[in-house]
C-alpha atoms as a PDB file:
ATOM      1  CA  MET A   1      -6.173  -2.979 -12.720  1.00  0.00           C
ATOM      2  CA  VAL A   2      -5.717  -3.889 -16.342  1.00  0.00           C
ATOM      3  CA  GLY A   3      -3.069  -6.532 -16.976  1.00  0.00           C
ATOM      4  CA  ALA A   4      -0.974  -5.635 -13.924  1.00  0.00           C
ATOM      5  CA  PRO A   5       0.255  -8.159 -11.352  1.00  0.00           C
ATOM      6  CA  LEU A   6      -1.779  -8.165  -8.133  1.00  0.00           C
ATOM      7  CA  ASP A   7       1.275  -7.239  -6.054  1.00  0.00           C
ATOM      8  CA  THR A   8       1.557  -3.862  -7.808  1.00  0.00           C
ATOM      9  CA  ILE A   9      -1.523  -2.168  -6.317  1.00  0.00           C
ATOM     10  CA  SER A  10       0.129   0.954  -4.937  1.00  0.00           C
ATOM     11  CA  LEU A  11      -3.053   1.875  -3.034  1.00  0.00           C
ATOM     12  CA  LEU A  12      -1.939  -0.683  -0.453  1.00  0.00           C
ATOM     13  CA  HIS A  13       0.853   1.688   0.605  1.00  0.00           C
ATOM     14  CA  HIS A  14      -1.961   3.796   2.057  1.00  0.00           C
ATOM     15  CA  ALA A  15      -3.050   0.747   4.082  1.00  0.00           C
ATOM     16  CA  GLU A  16       0.533   0.377   5.323  1.00  0.00           C
ATOM     17  CA  HIS A  17       0.383   3.965   6.521  1.00  0.00           C
ATOM     18  CA  LEU A  18      -2.979   3.513   8.276  1.00  0.00           C
ATOM     19  CA  ALA A  19      -2.219   0.167   9.928  1.00  0.00           C
ATOM     20  CA  GLN A  20      -1.101   0.355  13.552  1.00  0.00           C
ATOM     21  CA  LEU A  21       2.079  -1.724  13.317  1.00  0.00           C
ATOM     22  CA  PRO A  22       5.152  -1.688  15.528  1.00  0.00           C
ATOM     23  CA  ASN A  23       8.576  -0.891  14.106  1.00  0.00           C
ATOM     24  CA  LYS A  24       7.581   0.532  10.738  1.00  0.00           C
ATOM     25  CA  ARG A  25      10.555   1.663   8.675  1.00  0.00           C
ATOM     26  CA  ILE A  26      10.730   5.452   8.618  1.00  0.00           C
ATOM     27  CA  ARG A  27      12.632   7.509   6.071  1.00  0.00           C
ATOM     28  CA  ARG A  28      13.775  10.991   7.078  1.00  0.00           C
ATOM     29  CA  MET A  29      14.978  13.610   4.640  1.00  0.00           C
ATOM     30  CA  GLU A  30      15.400  17.333   4.230  1.00  0.00           C
ATOM     31  CA  VAL A  31      13.298  18.962   1.508  1.00  0.00           C
ATOM     32  CA  PRO A  32      12.814  22.515   0.233  1.00  0.00           C
ATOM     33  CA  LEU A  33       9.398  24.058   0.943  1.00  0.00           C
ATOM     34  CA  ARG A  34       8.251  27.363  -0.505  1.00  0.00           C
ATOM     35  CA  PHE A  35       6.732  29.891   1.891  1.00  0.00           C
ATOM     36  CA  GLY A  36       5.575  32.929  -0.057  1.00  0.00           C
ATOM     37  CA  ASN A  37       8.652  34.318  -1.797  1.00  0.00           C
ATOM     38  CA  HIS A  38      11.264  32.272   0.025  1.00  0.00           C
ATOM     39  CA  VAL A  39      12.263  28.654   0.395  1.00  0.00           C
ATOM     40  CA  GLU A  40      13.050  26.929   3.667  1.00  0.00           C
ATOM     41  CA  TRP A  41      14.601  23.528   4.103  1.00  0.00           C
ATOM     42  CA  ARG A  42      12.613  21.329   6.489  1.00  0.00           C
ATOM     43  CA  MET A  43      13.020  17.813   7.809  1.00  0.00           C
ATOM     44  CA  ILE A  44      10.173  15.470   6.936  1.00  0.00           C
ATOM     45  CA  GLU A  45       9.547  11.814   7.543  1.00  0.00           C
ATOM     46  CA  GLU A  46       7.500   9.190   5.795  1.00  0.00           C
ATOM     47  CA  PHE A  47       7.099   5.456   5.992  1.00  0.00           C
ATOM     48  CA  ASP A  48       9.727   3.781   3.846  1.00  0.00           C
ATOM     49  CA  THR A  49       7.773   1.630   1.415  1.00  0.00           C
ATOM     50  CA  ALA A  50      10.634   0.744  -0.916  1.00  0.00           C
ATOM     51  CA  ASP A  51      10.588  -2.595   0.939  1.00  0.00           C
ATOM     52  CA  PRO A  52       7.793  -4.033   3.080  1.00  0.00           C
ATOM     53  CA  VAL A  53       7.079  -1.522   5.830  1.00  0.00           C
ATOM     54  CA  VAL A  54       7.982  -4.023   8.587  1.00  0.00           C
ATOM     55  CA  ASP A  55      10.633  -6.752   8.507  1.00  0.00           C
ATOM     56  CA  GLU A  56       8.249  -9.684   8.974  1.00  0.00           C
ATOM     57  CA  LEU A  57       6.394  -9.097   5.695  1.00  0.00           C
ATOM     58  CA  ALA A  58       7.245 -11.043   2.543  1.00  0.00           C
ATOM     59  CA  ASP A  59       8.304  -9.007  -0.481  1.00  0.00           C
ATOM     60  CA  ASP A  60       5.183  -9.985  -2.436  1.00  0.00           C
ATOM     61  CA  TYR A  61       2.598  -9.628   0.323  1.00  0.00           C
ATOM     62  CA  PHE A  62       0.496  -7.122  -1.647  1.00  0.00           C
ATOM     63  CA  GLY A  63      -0.433  -9.964  -4.007  1.00  0.00           C
ATOM     64  CA  THR A  64      -1.404 -12.182  -1.078  1.00  0.00           C
ATOM     65  CA  ILE A  65      -3.657  -9.472   0.355  1.00  0.00           C
ATOM     66  CA  VAL A  66      -5.399  -8.919  -2.987  1.00  0.00           C
ATOM     67  CA  GLU A  67      -5.854 -12.669  -3.598  1.00  0.00           C
ATOM     68  CA  GLU A  68      -7.426 -13.081  -0.144  1.00  0.00           C
ATOM     69  CA  PHE A  69      -9.603 -10.002  -0.701  1.00  0.00           C
ATOM     70  CA  LEU A  70     -10.878 -11.401  -3.996  1.00  0.00           C
ATOM     71  CA  LEU A  71     -11.684 -14.756  -2.346  1.00  0.00           C
ATOM     72  CA  THR A  72     -13.447 -13.362   0.715  1.00  0.00           C
ATOM     73  CA  GLU A  73     -14.708  -9.856  -0.039  1.00  0.00           C
ATOM     74  CA  GLY A  74     -15.324  -9.816  -3.751  1.00  0.00           C
ATOM     75  CA  GLY A  75     -14.231  -7.616  -6.535  1.00  0.00           C
ATOM     76  CA  GLN A  76     -14.582  -8.530 -10.170  1.00  0.00           C
ATOM     77  CA  GLN A  77     -12.150 -10.385 -12.387  1.00  0.00           C
ATOM     78  CA  GLY A  78     -12.216 -10.700 -16.150  1.00  0.00           C
ATOM     79  CA  MET A  79     -10.468  -9.899 -19.375  1.00  0.00           C
ATOM     80  CA  ILE A  80     -10.117  -6.470 -20.919  1.00  0.00           C
ATOM     81  CA  GLY A  81      -8.882  -7.210 -24.399  1.00  0.00           C
ATOM     82  CA  SER A  82      -6.202  -9.845 -23.814  1.00  0.00           C
ATOM     83  CA  ALA A  83      -5.307  -8.579 -20.352  1.00  0.00           C
ATOM     84  CA  PRO A  84      -6.463 -10.329 -17.177  1.00  0.00           C
ATOM     85  CA  SER A  85      -7.959  -7.570 -15.033  1.00  0.00           C
ATOM     86  CA  VAL A  86      -9.504  -6.936 -11.609  1.00  0.00           C
ATOM     87  CA  LEU A  87     -11.925  -4.291 -10.402  1.00  0.00           C
ATOM     88  CA  LEU A  88     -11.734  -3.535  -6.678  1.00  0.00           C
ATOM     89  CA  SER A  89     -13.485  -1.108  -4.359  1.00  0.00           C
ATOM     90  CA  ALA A  90     -10.659   1.127  -3.107  1.00  0.00           C
ATOM     91  CA  PRO A  91     -12.151   1.772   0.370  1.00  0.00           C
ATOM     92  CA  ALA A  92     -12.977  -1.916   0.810  1.00  0.00           C
ATOM     93  CA  VAL A  93      -9.529  -3.190  -0.184  1.00  0.00           C
ATOM     94  CA  VAL A  94      -7.778  -0.599   2.027  1.00  0.00           C
ATOM     95  CA  SER A  95      -9.944  -1.550   5.006  1.00  0.00           C
ATOM     96  CA  PHE A  96      -9.315  -5.247   4.359  1.00  0.00           C
ATOM     97  CA  ALA A  97      -5.555  -4.666   4.027  1.00  0.00           C
ATOM     98  CA  VAL A  98      -5.359  -2.672   7.282  1.00  0.00           C
ATOM     99  CA  GLY A  99      -7.149  -5.491   9.115  1.00  0.00           C
ATOM    100  CA  TRP A 100      -4.966  -8.114   7.429  1.00  0.00           C
ATOM    101  CA  LEU A 101      -1.773  -6.325   8.479  1.00  0.00           C
ATOM    102  CA  GLU A 102      -2.879  -5.614  12.039  1.00  0.00           C
ATOM    103  CA  GLN A 103      -4.065  -9.189  12.633  1.00  0.00           C
ATOM    104  CA  ARG A 104      -0.719 -10.632  11.633  1.00  0.00           C
ATOM    105  CA  TYR A 105       1.850  -8.078  12.731  1.00  0.00           C
ATOM    106  CA  ARG A 106       0.573  -6.199  15.760  1.00  0.00           C
END
């Protein structure tokens, strides 16, 4: 991530989806889906990630997860131009985040 705050890593929404947590917020909506030459409206659901996926999480917990990942698992930090930047392994940070969430909120 080049110059972006640590709490803006949207990949962590995938970790929210994978983590086995009770009482995740779920958003339900009707959407149009094309089937061949016609469109059908179908109900879908997804985890609501506009706010933390469960009530107990702080608004900025993505930043906390990334800070702890950098301290314990690695990743690289440095400057790209004038922008503080981090380089993370996507599979490693997702795995770490799933464990972090499940340890605290299961």
